[in-house]
N, C-alpha and C. Protein backbone atom coordinates (compact mmCIF):
# COMPACT_ATOMS: atom_id res chain seq x y z
N MET A 1 20.48 -0.24 -8.89
CA MET A 1 20.17 -0.38 -7.47
C MET A 1 19.78 -1.82 -7.18
N SER A 2 20.40 -2.39 -6.18
CA SER A 2 20.13 -3.78 -5.83
C SER A 2 19.05 -3.86 -4.76
N MET A 3 18.03 -4.64 -5.03
CA MET A 3 16.95 -4.87 -4.06
C MET A 3 16.82 -6.37 -3.84
N PRO A 4 16.23 -6.77 -2.71
CA PRO A 4 16.02 -8.20 -2.47
C PRO A 4 15.26 -8.85 -3.62
N GLY A 5 15.69 -10.05 -3.99
CA GLY A 5 15.09 -10.75 -5.12
C GLY A 5 13.62 -11.03 -4.97
N PHE A 6 13.15 -11.18 -3.74
CA PHE A 6 11.73 -11.53 -3.57
C PHE A 6 10.81 -10.39 -3.95
N PHE A 7 11.34 -9.16 -4.06
CA PHE A 7 10.49 -8.04 -4.50
C PHE A 7 9.84 -8.36 -5.84
N ASP A 8 10.62 -9.01 -6.72
CA ASP A 8 10.11 -9.34 -8.06
C ASP A 8 9.09 -10.46 -8.03
N GLN A 9 9.02 -11.21 -6.93
CA GLN A 9 8.06 -12.31 -6.81
C GLN A 9 6.74 -11.86 -6.19
N ALA A 10 6.71 -10.66 -5.66
CA ALA A 10 5.49 -10.16 -5.01
C ALA A 10 4.39 -9.95 -6.05
N PRO A 11 3.13 -10.00 -5.64
CA PRO A 11 2.03 -9.78 -6.58
C PRO A 11 2.14 -8.44 -7.29
N VAL A 12 1.72 -8.42 -8.53
CA VAL A 12 1.74 -7.21 -9.35
C VAL A 12 0.33 -6.62 -9.39
N VAL A 13 0.22 -5.31 -9.30
CA VAL A 13 -1.06 -4.63 -9.37
C VAL A 13 -1.20 -3.97 -10.73
N CYS A 14 -2.18 -4.41 -11.50
CA CYS A 14 -2.42 -3.87 -12.84
C CYS A 14 -3.65 -2.96 -12.80
N VAL A 15 -3.52 -1.74 -13.30
CA VAL A 15 -4.62 -0.78 -13.29
C VAL A 15 -4.72 -0.10 -14.66
N ARG A 16 -5.86 0.53 -14.87
CA ARG A 16 -6.03 1.37 -16.06
C ARG A 16 -6.24 2.81 -15.60
N ASP A 17 -5.37 3.69 -16.06
CA ASP A 17 -5.46 5.11 -15.72
C ASP A 17 -5.80 5.87 -16.99
N ARG A 18 -7.02 6.37 -17.07
CA ARG A 18 -7.48 7.02 -18.30
C ARG A 18 -6.77 8.36 -18.55
N LEU A 19 -6.28 8.99 -17.50
CA LEU A 19 -5.49 10.20 -17.69
C LEU A 19 -4.15 9.86 -18.34
N ALA A 20 -3.55 8.76 -17.93
CA ALA A 20 -2.30 8.32 -18.54
C ALA A 20 -2.51 7.99 -20.02
N ASP A 21 -3.66 7.43 -20.32
CA ASP A 21 -4.00 7.13 -21.72
C ASP A 21 -4.16 8.43 -22.51
N LEU A 22 -4.92 9.37 -21.96
CA LEU A 22 -5.17 10.64 -22.63
C LEU A 22 -3.87 11.39 -22.94
N LEU A 23 -2.96 11.38 -21.99
CA LEU A 23 -1.73 12.14 -22.12
C LEU A 23 -0.60 11.35 -22.77
N GLY A 24 -0.91 10.16 -23.22
CA GLY A 24 0.07 9.37 -23.95
C GLY A 24 1.16 8.76 -23.10
N ALA A 25 0.89 8.60 -21.81
CA ALA A 25 1.91 8.05 -20.91
C ALA A 25 1.92 6.53 -20.89
N ALA A 26 0.81 5.90 -21.27
CA ALA A 26 0.71 4.44 -21.26
C ALA A 26 -0.36 4.00 -22.26
N GLY A 27 -0.05 2.99 -23.05
CA GLY A 27 -1.00 2.48 -24.02
C GLY A 27 -2.27 2.00 -23.37
N ASP A 28 -3.41 2.55 -23.79
CA ASP A 28 -4.71 2.23 -23.21
C ASP A 28 -4.78 2.58 -21.73
N GLY A 29 -3.77 3.29 -21.24
CA GLY A 29 -3.76 3.67 -19.83
C GLY A 29 -3.41 2.54 -18.88
N VAL A 30 -3.04 1.38 -19.42
CA VAL A 30 -2.77 0.22 -18.57
C VAL A 30 -1.34 0.30 -18.02
N MET A 31 -1.23 0.19 -16.71
CA MET A 31 0.06 0.26 -16.04
C MET A 31 0.15 -0.83 -14.97
N GLU A 32 1.36 -1.28 -14.74
CA GLU A 32 1.62 -2.26 -13.69
C GLU A 32 2.43 -1.62 -12.57
N TYR A 33 2.00 -1.87 -11.35
CA TYR A 33 2.77 -1.44 -10.18
C TYR A 33 3.34 -2.66 -9.49
N HIS A 34 4.60 -2.55 -9.12
CA HIS A 34 5.30 -3.63 -8.43
C HIS A 34 5.64 -3.17 -7.01
N TYR A 35 5.90 -4.14 -6.14
CA TYR A 35 6.22 -3.77 -4.77
C TYR A 35 7.42 -2.82 -4.73
N ALA A 36 8.37 -3.01 -5.62
CA ALA A 36 9.54 -2.13 -5.65
C ALA A 36 9.14 -0.68 -5.87
N ASP A 37 8.04 -0.43 -6.58
CA ASP A 37 7.57 0.94 -6.78
C ASP A 37 7.15 1.56 -5.45
N ALA A 38 6.49 0.78 -4.62
CA ALA A 38 6.09 1.26 -3.30
C ALA A 38 7.31 1.52 -2.43
N VAL A 39 8.32 0.66 -2.56
CA VAL A 39 9.56 0.83 -1.80
C VAL A 39 10.27 2.11 -2.23
N ARG A 40 10.32 2.35 -3.51
CA ARG A 40 10.95 3.59 -4.00
C ARG A 40 10.20 4.83 -3.51
N LEU A 41 8.88 4.74 -3.47
CA LEU A 41 8.08 5.85 -2.99
C LEU A 41 8.35 6.12 -1.52
N ALA A 42 8.31 5.07 -0.70
CA ALA A 42 8.48 5.22 0.74
C ALA A 42 9.93 5.41 1.15
N GLY A 43 10.85 4.90 0.31
CA GLY A 43 12.26 4.98 0.65
C GLY A 43 12.73 3.83 1.52
N HIS A 44 11.84 2.87 1.80
CA HIS A 44 12.23 1.72 2.61
C HIS A 44 11.19 0.61 2.42
N SER A 45 11.53 -0.57 2.88
CA SER A 45 10.62 -1.72 2.84
C SER A 45 10.39 -2.20 4.26
N CYS A 46 9.13 -2.27 4.64
CA CYS A 46 8.77 -2.70 5.98
C CYS A 46 7.37 -3.32 5.94
N PRO A 47 6.92 -3.93 7.02
CA PRO A 47 5.59 -4.52 7.03
C PRO A 47 4.48 -3.50 6.75
N THR A 48 4.67 -2.24 7.16
CA THR A 48 3.66 -1.22 6.88
C THR A 48 3.54 -0.96 5.40
N VAL A 49 4.67 -0.79 4.72
CA VAL A 49 4.66 -0.54 3.28
C VAL A 49 4.10 -1.75 2.53
N ALA A 50 4.55 -2.93 2.91
CA ALA A 50 4.05 -4.15 2.27
C ALA A 50 2.57 -4.34 2.55
N GLY A 51 2.16 -4.08 3.79
CA GLY A 51 0.75 -4.22 4.14
C GLY A 51 -0.12 -3.25 3.38
N ALA A 52 0.32 -2.00 3.24
CA ALA A 52 -0.44 -1.02 2.48
C ALA A 52 -0.55 -1.42 1.02
N TYR A 53 0.54 -1.95 0.48
CA TYR A 53 0.54 -2.42 -0.91
C TYR A 53 -0.51 -3.52 -1.10
N LEU A 54 -0.55 -4.45 -0.17
CA LEU A 54 -1.51 -5.55 -0.27
C LEU A 54 -2.94 -5.07 -0.02
N LEU A 55 -3.11 -4.09 0.86
CA LEU A 55 -4.45 -3.53 1.10
C LEU A 55 -4.99 -2.89 -0.18
N GLY A 56 -4.13 -2.09 -0.83
CA GLY A 56 -4.56 -1.45 -2.07
C GLY A 56 -4.89 -2.47 -3.13
N ARG A 57 -4.06 -3.49 -3.25
CA ARG A 57 -4.29 -4.56 -4.23
C ARG A 57 -5.62 -5.25 -3.97
N THR A 58 -5.86 -5.63 -2.72
CA THR A 58 -7.08 -6.34 -2.36
C THR A 58 -8.31 -5.48 -2.59
N ALA A 59 -8.23 -4.20 -2.23
CA ALA A 59 -9.37 -3.30 -2.42
C ALA A 59 -9.73 -3.19 -3.90
N LEU A 60 -8.73 -3.01 -4.75
CA LEU A 60 -9.00 -2.86 -6.18
C LEU A 60 -9.55 -4.15 -6.78
N MET A 61 -9.00 -5.29 -6.39
CA MET A 61 -9.49 -6.57 -6.89
C MET A 61 -10.93 -6.81 -6.46
N THR A 62 -11.26 -6.41 -5.23
CA THR A 62 -12.60 -6.64 -4.71
C THR A 62 -13.62 -5.71 -5.36
N LEU A 63 -13.24 -4.47 -5.59
CA LEU A 63 -14.16 -3.49 -6.16
C LEU A 63 -14.33 -3.65 -7.68
N TYR A 64 -13.33 -4.27 -8.32
CA TYR A 64 -13.39 -4.45 -9.78
C TYR A 64 -13.20 -5.93 -10.13
N PRO A 65 -14.10 -6.79 -9.71
CA PRO A 65 -13.94 -8.22 -9.97
C PRO A 65 -14.00 -8.53 -11.46
N GLY A 66 -13.02 -9.27 -11.94
CA GLY A 66 -13.02 -9.69 -13.34
C GLY A 66 -12.67 -8.60 -14.33
N GLU A 67 -12.21 -7.44 -13.88
CA GLU A 67 -11.86 -6.37 -14.80
C GLU A 67 -10.64 -5.63 -14.27
N ILE A 68 -10.03 -4.83 -15.14
CA ILE A 68 -8.88 -4.05 -14.72
C ILE A 68 -9.37 -2.88 -13.89
N PRO A 69 -8.86 -2.71 -12.68
CA PRO A 69 -9.31 -1.60 -11.84
C PRO A 69 -9.00 -0.24 -12.45
N GLU A 70 -9.85 0.71 -12.13
CA GLU A 70 -9.73 2.06 -12.66
C GLU A 70 -8.95 2.92 -11.67
N ARG A 71 -7.72 3.25 -12.01
CA ARG A 71 -6.96 4.15 -11.16
C ARG A 71 -7.55 5.55 -11.29
N GLY A 72 -7.85 6.16 -10.15
CA GLY A 72 -8.53 7.45 -10.16
C GLY A 72 -10.02 7.31 -10.00
N GLY A 73 -10.52 6.08 -9.93
CA GLY A 73 -11.95 5.85 -9.81
C GLY A 73 -12.40 5.46 -8.43
N VAL A 74 -11.50 5.56 -7.44
CA VAL A 74 -11.80 5.10 -6.08
C VAL A 74 -11.51 6.21 -5.08
N SER A 75 -12.38 6.37 -4.10
CA SER A 75 -12.14 7.27 -2.97
C SER A 75 -11.69 6.43 -1.77
N VAL A 76 -10.81 6.99 -0.96
CA VAL A 76 -10.25 6.27 0.19
C VAL A 76 -10.44 7.10 1.45
N ARG A 77 -10.95 6.47 2.49
CA ARG A 77 -11.16 7.12 3.78
C ARG A 77 -10.28 6.45 4.82
N MET A 78 -9.31 7.23 5.37
CA MET A 78 -8.42 6.74 6.41
C MET A 78 -9.05 6.99 7.77
N PRO A 79 -8.97 6.02 8.70
CA PRO A 79 -9.66 6.16 9.98
C PRO A 79 -8.87 6.90 11.05
N ALA A 80 -7.88 7.70 10.62
CA ALA A 80 -7.06 8.44 11.57
C ALA A 80 -6.47 9.66 10.87
N PRO A 81 -5.99 10.65 11.61
CA PRO A 81 -5.34 11.81 11.00
C PRO A 81 -4.06 11.41 10.28
N VAL A 82 -3.64 12.24 9.35
CA VAL A 82 -2.49 11.92 8.52
C VAL A 82 -1.21 11.76 9.34
N ASP A 83 -1.12 12.45 10.49
CA ASP A 83 0.11 12.39 11.28
C ASP A 83 0.04 11.36 12.40
N ASP A 84 -0.96 10.50 12.38
CA ASP A 84 -1.08 9.47 13.41
C ASP A 84 -0.38 8.19 12.98
N GLY A 85 0.63 7.79 13.75
CA GLY A 85 1.30 6.52 13.50
C GLY A 85 1.77 6.36 12.08
N VAL A 86 1.38 5.23 11.46
CA VAL A 86 1.80 4.93 10.09
C VAL A 86 0.73 5.32 9.07
N THR A 87 -0.24 6.13 9.49
CA THR A 87 -1.32 6.51 8.58
C THR A 87 -0.81 7.19 7.32
N GLY A 88 0.13 8.12 7.49
CA GLY A 88 0.65 8.86 6.34
C GLY A 88 1.37 7.97 5.35
N VAL A 89 2.20 7.07 5.84
CA VAL A 89 2.93 6.14 4.96
C VAL A 89 1.95 5.24 4.23
N THR A 90 0.99 4.70 4.95
CA THR A 90 -0.01 3.83 4.34
C THR A 90 -0.77 4.58 3.25
N ALA A 91 -1.15 5.81 3.53
CA ALA A 91 -1.91 6.60 2.56
C ALA A 91 -1.10 6.88 1.31
N GLN A 92 0.20 7.12 1.44
CA GLN A 92 1.04 7.38 0.27
C GLN A 92 1.05 6.19 -0.67
N VAL A 93 1.17 5.01 -0.10
CA VAL A 93 1.19 3.80 -0.94
C VAL A 93 -0.17 3.59 -1.59
N LEU A 94 -1.24 3.86 -0.85
CA LEU A 94 -2.58 3.72 -1.43
C LEU A 94 -2.81 4.74 -2.54
N THR A 95 -2.26 5.93 -2.40
CA THR A 95 -2.34 6.91 -3.48
C THR A 95 -1.63 6.41 -4.73
N LEU A 96 -0.48 5.81 -4.54
CA LEU A 96 0.27 5.25 -5.67
C LEU A 96 -0.60 4.29 -6.47
N LEU A 97 -1.28 3.40 -5.80
CA LEU A 97 -2.04 2.34 -6.48
C LEU A 97 -3.40 2.80 -6.97
N THR A 98 -4.10 3.58 -6.16
CA THR A 98 -5.49 3.94 -6.50
C THR A 98 -5.61 5.28 -7.21
N GLY A 99 -4.62 6.14 -7.05
CA GLY A 99 -4.70 7.48 -7.61
C GLY A 99 -5.41 8.46 -6.69
N ALA A 100 -6.07 7.96 -5.66
CA ALA A 100 -6.79 8.83 -4.73
C ALA A 100 -5.80 9.70 -3.96
N ALA A 101 -6.00 11.01 -4.01
CA ALA A 101 -5.08 11.94 -3.36
C ALA A 101 -5.83 12.91 -2.47
N ALA A 102 -5.11 13.50 -1.53
CA ALA A 102 -5.69 14.53 -0.67
C ALA A 102 -5.72 15.86 -1.44
N GLU A 103 -5.73 16.95 -0.72
CA GLU A 103 -5.86 18.26 -1.38
C GLU A 103 -4.69 18.59 -2.29
N ASN A 104 -3.56 17.91 -2.09
CA ASN A 104 -2.37 18.18 -2.90
C ASN A 104 -2.36 17.39 -4.21
N GLY A 105 -3.43 16.66 -4.50
CA GLY A 105 -3.48 15.85 -5.71
C GLY A 105 -3.85 16.65 -6.95
N PHE A 106 -3.88 15.97 -8.08
CA PHE A 106 -4.18 16.59 -9.37
C PHE A 106 -5.60 17.14 -9.36
N HIS A 107 -5.75 18.40 -9.79
CA HIS A 107 -7.05 19.06 -9.72
C HIS A 107 -7.89 18.90 -10.98
N GLY A 108 -7.40 18.12 -11.92
CA GLY A 108 -8.23 17.79 -13.08
C GLY A 108 -7.86 18.54 -14.33
N LEU A 109 -8.46 18.11 -15.40
CA LEU A 109 -8.24 18.69 -16.73
C LEU A 109 -9.62 18.89 -17.35
N GLY A 110 -10.03 20.13 -17.47
CA GLY A 110 -11.36 20.40 -17.99
C GLY A 110 -12.47 19.82 -17.12
N GLY A 111 -12.21 19.79 -15.82
CA GLY A 111 -13.21 19.25 -14.90
C GLY A 111 -13.24 17.73 -14.82
N GLN A 112 -12.34 17.06 -15.52
CA GLN A 112 -12.26 15.60 -15.50
C GLN A 112 -10.94 15.15 -14.89
N TYR A 113 -10.88 13.85 -14.59
CA TYR A 113 -9.66 13.21 -14.09
C TYR A 113 -9.18 13.83 -12.77
N VAL A 114 -10.09 14.33 -11.97
CA VAL A 114 -9.73 14.93 -10.69
C VAL A 114 -9.30 13.85 -9.70
N ARG A 115 -8.16 14.06 -9.07
CA ARG A 115 -7.67 13.13 -8.04
C ARG A 115 -7.68 13.78 -6.66
N SER A 116 -7.60 15.11 -6.65
CA SER A 116 -7.61 15.84 -5.40
C SER A 116 -8.92 15.62 -4.65
N GLY A 117 -8.81 15.37 -3.35
CA GLY A 117 -10.00 15.19 -2.53
C GLY A 117 -10.56 13.78 -2.51
N LEU A 118 -9.93 12.87 -3.24
CA LEU A 118 -10.40 11.48 -3.22
C LEU A 118 -9.86 10.70 -2.02
N LEU A 119 -8.86 11.28 -1.34
CA LEU A 119 -8.29 10.67 -0.13
C LEU A 119 -8.62 11.56 1.05
N ASP A 120 -9.27 10.96 2.05
CA ASP A 120 -9.75 11.72 3.20
C ASP A 120 -9.22 11.11 4.49
N PHE A 121 -8.91 11.97 5.45
CA PHE A 121 -8.41 11.53 6.75
C PHE A 121 -9.39 11.94 7.85
N ALA A 122 -9.56 11.07 8.83
CA ALA A 122 -10.39 11.41 9.98
C ALA A 122 -9.71 12.53 10.77
N GLU A 123 -10.50 13.35 11.45
CA GLU A 123 -9.95 14.45 12.24
C GLU A 123 -9.35 13.96 13.55
N SER A 124 -9.83 12.84 14.04
CA SER A 124 -9.28 12.22 15.24
C SER A 124 -9.24 10.72 15.02
N VAL A 125 -8.52 10.02 15.87
CA VAL A 125 -8.37 8.58 15.68
C VAL A 125 -9.70 7.88 15.93
N GLU A 126 -10.25 7.30 14.87
CA GLU A 126 -11.52 6.59 14.97
C GLU A 126 -11.30 5.09 15.13
N GLY A 127 -10.15 4.63 14.65
CA GLY A 127 -9.91 3.19 14.64
C GLY A 127 -10.73 2.54 13.55
N GLY A 128 -10.63 1.24 13.45
CA GLY A 128 -11.42 0.53 12.46
C GLY A 128 -10.73 0.45 11.12
N PRO A 129 -11.47 0.03 10.11
CA PRO A 129 -10.89 -0.26 8.80
C PRO A 129 -10.69 0.97 7.94
N ILE A 130 -9.98 0.77 6.83
CA ILE A 130 -9.85 1.76 5.78
C ILE A 130 -10.98 1.52 4.79
N LEU A 131 -11.69 2.57 4.40
CA LEU A 131 -12.84 2.42 3.52
C LEU A 131 -12.47 2.84 2.09
N PHE A 132 -12.75 1.96 1.15
CA PHE A 132 -12.53 2.21 -0.28
C PHE A 132 -13.89 2.21 -0.97
N ARG A 133 -14.14 3.22 -1.82
CA ARG A 133 -15.44 3.31 -2.48
C ARG A 133 -15.27 3.65 -3.96
N ARG A 134 -15.94 2.88 -4.82
CA ARG A 134 -15.95 3.21 -6.25
C ARG A 134 -16.78 4.46 -6.47
N ASN A 135 -16.25 5.40 -7.22
CA ASN A 135 -16.95 6.66 -7.45
C ASN A 135 -18.08 6.52 -8.48
N ASP A 136 -18.02 5.48 -9.32
CA ASP A 136 -19.06 5.34 -10.34
C ASP A 136 -20.27 4.56 -9.84
N THR A 137 -20.04 3.50 -9.08
CA THR A 137 -21.15 2.65 -8.65
C THR A 137 -21.52 2.83 -7.18
N GLY A 138 -20.60 3.39 -6.40
CA GLY A 138 -20.85 3.53 -4.97
C GLY A 138 -20.51 2.28 -4.17
N ALA A 139 -20.11 1.21 -4.86
CA ALA A 139 -19.72 -0.02 -4.15
C ALA A 139 -18.54 0.27 -3.23
N ALA A 140 -18.58 -0.28 -2.03
CA ALA A 140 -17.56 0.02 -1.04
C ALA A 140 -17.08 -1.25 -0.35
N VAL A 141 -15.84 -1.18 0.12
CA VAL A 141 -15.26 -2.28 0.87
C VAL A 141 -14.38 -1.70 1.97
N ALA A 142 -14.44 -2.31 3.15
CA ALA A 142 -13.65 -1.86 4.30
C ALA A 142 -12.58 -2.92 4.58
N LEU A 143 -11.33 -2.48 4.68
CA LEU A 143 -10.22 -3.41 4.85
C LEU A 143 -9.44 -3.10 6.12
N THR A 144 -9.06 -4.17 6.81
CA THR A 144 -8.25 -4.06 8.02
C THR A 144 -7.03 -4.96 7.88
N LEU A 145 -5.87 -4.44 8.25
CA LEU A 145 -4.62 -5.21 8.21
C LEU A 145 -4.31 -5.72 9.60
N ASP A 146 -4.09 -7.03 9.73
CA ASP A 146 -3.75 -7.65 11.00
C ASP A 146 -2.49 -8.48 10.81
N LEU A 147 -1.37 -8.00 11.33
CA LEU A 147 -0.08 -8.67 11.14
C LEU A 147 0.28 -9.63 12.26
N SER A 148 -0.65 -9.88 13.17
CA SER A 148 -0.34 -10.71 14.33
C SER A 148 0.03 -12.14 13.96
N SER A 149 -0.47 -12.63 12.82
CA SER A 149 -0.15 -14.00 12.41
C SER A 149 1.14 -14.09 11.60
N VAL A 150 1.80 -12.95 11.40
CA VAL A 150 3.09 -12.92 10.69
C VAL A 150 4.09 -12.21 11.60
N PRO A 151 4.54 -12.89 12.64
CA PRO A 151 5.39 -12.22 13.64
C PRO A 151 6.81 -11.97 13.11
N PRO A 152 7.53 -11.05 13.75
CA PRO A 152 8.92 -10.79 13.37
C PRO A 152 9.81 -11.99 13.66
N ASP A 153 10.92 -12.07 12.96
CA ASP A 153 11.94 -13.07 13.22
C ASP A 153 12.54 -12.77 14.60
N PRO A 154 12.67 -13.78 15.47
CA PRO A 154 13.27 -13.54 16.80
C PRO A 154 14.64 -12.87 16.71
N ALA A 155 15.39 -13.15 15.64
CA ALA A 155 16.71 -12.54 15.47
C ALA A 155 16.59 -11.03 15.32
N GLN A 156 15.51 -10.60 14.71
CA GLN A 156 15.28 -9.17 14.52
C GLN A 156 15.15 -8.48 15.87
N ARG A 157 14.38 -9.06 16.75
CA ARG A 157 14.18 -8.47 18.07
C ARG A 157 15.48 -8.42 18.86
N ALA A 158 16.27 -9.49 18.76
CA ALA A 158 17.52 -9.55 19.51
C ALA A 158 18.52 -8.51 19.03
N LEU A 159 18.47 -8.19 17.73
CA LEU A 159 19.44 -7.26 17.16
C LEU A 159 18.98 -5.80 17.17
N LEU A 160 17.71 -5.58 17.42
CA LEU A 160 17.16 -4.24 17.33
C LEU A 160 17.86 -3.27 18.29
N GLY A 161 18.06 -3.70 19.52
CA GLY A 161 18.70 -2.84 20.51
C GLY A 161 20.09 -2.38 20.07
N PRO A 162 21.00 -3.32 19.77
CA PRO A 162 22.34 -2.91 19.33
C PRO A 162 22.33 -2.03 18.08
N VAL A 163 21.41 -2.32 17.14
CA VAL A 163 21.34 -1.52 15.91
C VAL A 163 20.93 -0.08 16.23
N LEU A 164 19.88 0.09 17.04
CA LEU A 164 19.41 1.44 17.37
C LEU A 164 20.39 2.20 18.25
N GLN A 165 21.13 1.48 19.06
CA GLN A 165 22.10 2.11 19.95
C GLN A 165 23.43 2.40 19.27
N GLY A 166 23.57 1.91 18.02
CA GLY A 166 24.80 2.13 17.29
C GLY A 166 25.93 1.22 17.69
N ASN A 167 25.61 0.13 18.38
CA ASN A 167 26.64 -0.79 18.86
C ASN A 167 26.80 -2.01 17.97
N ALA A 168 25.96 -2.16 16.94
CA ALA A 168 26.01 -3.35 16.08
C ALA A 168 27.16 -3.22 15.09
N ASP A 169 27.85 -4.34 14.86
CA ASP A 169 28.90 -4.33 13.85
C ASP A 169 28.27 -4.58 12.47
N ALA A 170 29.09 -4.59 11.44
CA ALA A 170 28.57 -4.72 10.07
C ALA A 170 27.80 -6.02 9.88
N ALA A 171 28.30 -7.11 10.45
CA ALA A 171 27.63 -8.40 10.31
C ALA A 171 26.28 -8.39 11.00
N GLN A 172 26.20 -7.77 12.15
CA GLN A 172 24.93 -7.69 12.88
C GLN A 172 23.93 -6.81 12.14
N GLN A 173 24.43 -5.74 11.55
CA GLN A 173 23.54 -4.87 10.78
C GLN A 173 22.96 -5.59 9.57
N ARG A 174 23.81 -6.37 8.89
CA ARG A 174 23.32 -7.15 7.75
C ARG A 174 22.32 -8.19 8.20
N ALA A 175 22.60 -8.85 9.32
CA ALA A 175 21.69 -9.87 9.84
C ALA A 175 20.35 -9.26 10.23
N PHE A 176 20.40 -8.05 10.77
CA PHE A 176 19.16 -7.38 11.13
C PHE A 176 18.33 -7.08 9.88
N GLY A 177 18.97 -6.60 8.83
CA GLY A 177 18.27 -6.30 7.59
C GLY A 177 17.64 -7.54 6.98
N VAL A 178 18.38 -8.64 7.00
CA VAL A 178 17.86 -9.90 6.46
C VAL A 178 16.65 -10.36 7.26
N ALA A 179 16.75 -10.29 8.60
CA ALA A 179 15.64 -10.71 9.44
C ALA A 179 14.43 -9.80 9.24
N TRP A 180 14.68 -8.50 9.12
CA TRP A 180 13.60 -7.53 8.90
C TRP A 180 12.86 -7.82 7.60
N GLN A 181 13.61 -8.02 6.53
CA GLN A 181 12.99 -8.29 5.24
C GLN A 181 12.37 -9.68 5.18
N GLY A 182 12.79 -10.58 6.07
CA GLY A 182 12.18 -11.90 6.12
C GLY A 182 10.70 -11.83 6.43
N ARG A 183 10.34 -10.94 7.33
CA ARG A 183 8.92 -10.78 7.66
C ARG A 183 8.15 -10.18 6.48
N VAL A 184 8.78 -9.21 5.82
CA VAL A 184 8.15 -8.61 4.63
C VAL A 184 7.96 -9.67 3.56
N ARG A 185 8.97 -10.50 3.38
CA ARG A 185 8.90 -11.57 2.36
C ARG A 185 7.73 -12.51 2.64
N ARG A 186 7.60 -12.94 3.89
CA ARG A 186 6.51 -13.85 4.24
C ARG A 186 5.16 -13.18 4.01
N LEU A 187 5.06 -11.93 4.35
CA LEU A 187 3.81 -11.21 4.18
C LEU A 187 3.41 -11.14 2.71
N LEU A 188 4.36 -10.80 1.84
CA LEU A 188 4.06 -10.62 0.43
C LEU A 188 3.87 -11.93 -0.32
N LEU A 189 4.66 -12.93 0.01
CA LEU A 189 4.64 -14.17 -0.77
C LEU A 189 3.76 -15.26 -0.19
N GLU A 190 3.53 -15.23 1.11
CA GLU A 190 2.76 -16.29 1.74
C GLU A 190 1.38 -15.84 2.23
N HIS A 191 1.19 -14.54 2.39
CA HIS A 191 -0.06 -14.06 3.00
C HIS A 191 -0.76 -12.97 2.19
N ALA A 192 -0.42 -12.83 0.93
CA ALA A 192 -1.02 -11.78 0.10
C ALA A 192 -2.53 -11.92 0.00
N ASP A 193 -3.02 -13.16 0.04
CA ASP A 193 -4.45 -13.41 -0.08
C ASP A 193 -5.02 -14.07 1.18
N ASP A 194 -4.34 -13.86 2.29
CA ASP A 194 -4.73 -14.49 3.55
C ASP A 194 -5.82 -13.65 4.23
N PRO A 195 -7.03 -14.17 4.38
CA PRO A 195 -8.10 -13.40 5.01
C PRO A 195 -7.86 -13.10 6.49
N ALA A 196 -6.94 -13.84 7.10
CA ALA A 196 -6.61 -13.55 8.49
C ALA A 196 -5.71 -12.32 8.60
N VAL A 197 -5.00 -12.01 7.53
CA VAL A 197 -4.10 -10.85 7.51
C VAL A 197 -4.82 -9.63 6.93
N ILE A 198 -5.55 -9.82 5.84
CA ILE A 198 -6.32 -8.73 5.24
C ILE A 198 -7.79 -9.07 5.37
N ARG A 199 -8.44 -8.40 6.28
CA ARG A 199 -9.85 -8.67 6.56
C ARG A 199 -10.71 -7.76 5.68
N VAL A 200 -11.61 -8.38 4.95
CA VAL A 200 -12.43 -7.67 3.96
C VAL A 200 -13.89 -7.68 4.40
N GLU A 201 -14.47 -6.50 4.42
CA GLU A 201 -15.89 -6.37 4.75
C GLU A 201 -16.55 -5.51 3.67
N ARG A 202 -17.49 -6.07 2.97
CA ARG A 202 -18.22 -5.31 1.96
C ARG A 202 -19.21 -4.38 2.63
N ARG A 203 -19.33 -3.19 2.11
CA ARG A 203 -20.25 -2.20 2.67
C ARG A 203 -21.38 -1.89 1.69
């Protein structure tokens, strides 16, 4: 499967999953997640998927400074219901990286390694940041994604209408895809650690 080359240049998220270690899935439980993994999970690449990937990366780096983050050791609180806007897509990517899952997650082995219930959704739209909390220390961080400083390519906007209406030819469709991924590329390669894009508040 061919993917844009910049996917391989995006930051890599390294975690330790003790369940993976126990079950022999990864040496010492250490695993690397790449942006392409998030794309495969979501089935597409867009600013929401890329933003969620960077949010998860930033949360883990902030909660586990100087050490490998513990996958399965973090609870995540979404500030909106699962069916609101892009909340569900964002949560899926965060589950991939953190291991935190809703009621459909792993229920544990001998009372350990429980992932179910570590991901929680608000009952109504509260707005505000996504809250990440370490289950061992209680340390928490609230993250907000702001894409206003990474605007879409003007070509993308011009081509969106014809593409959605089914009037775009093959060349226009390719141009739209390139323009669309251009914003994703800038987000991942130029703004992965930009505090104006990912706002971090310690709790």
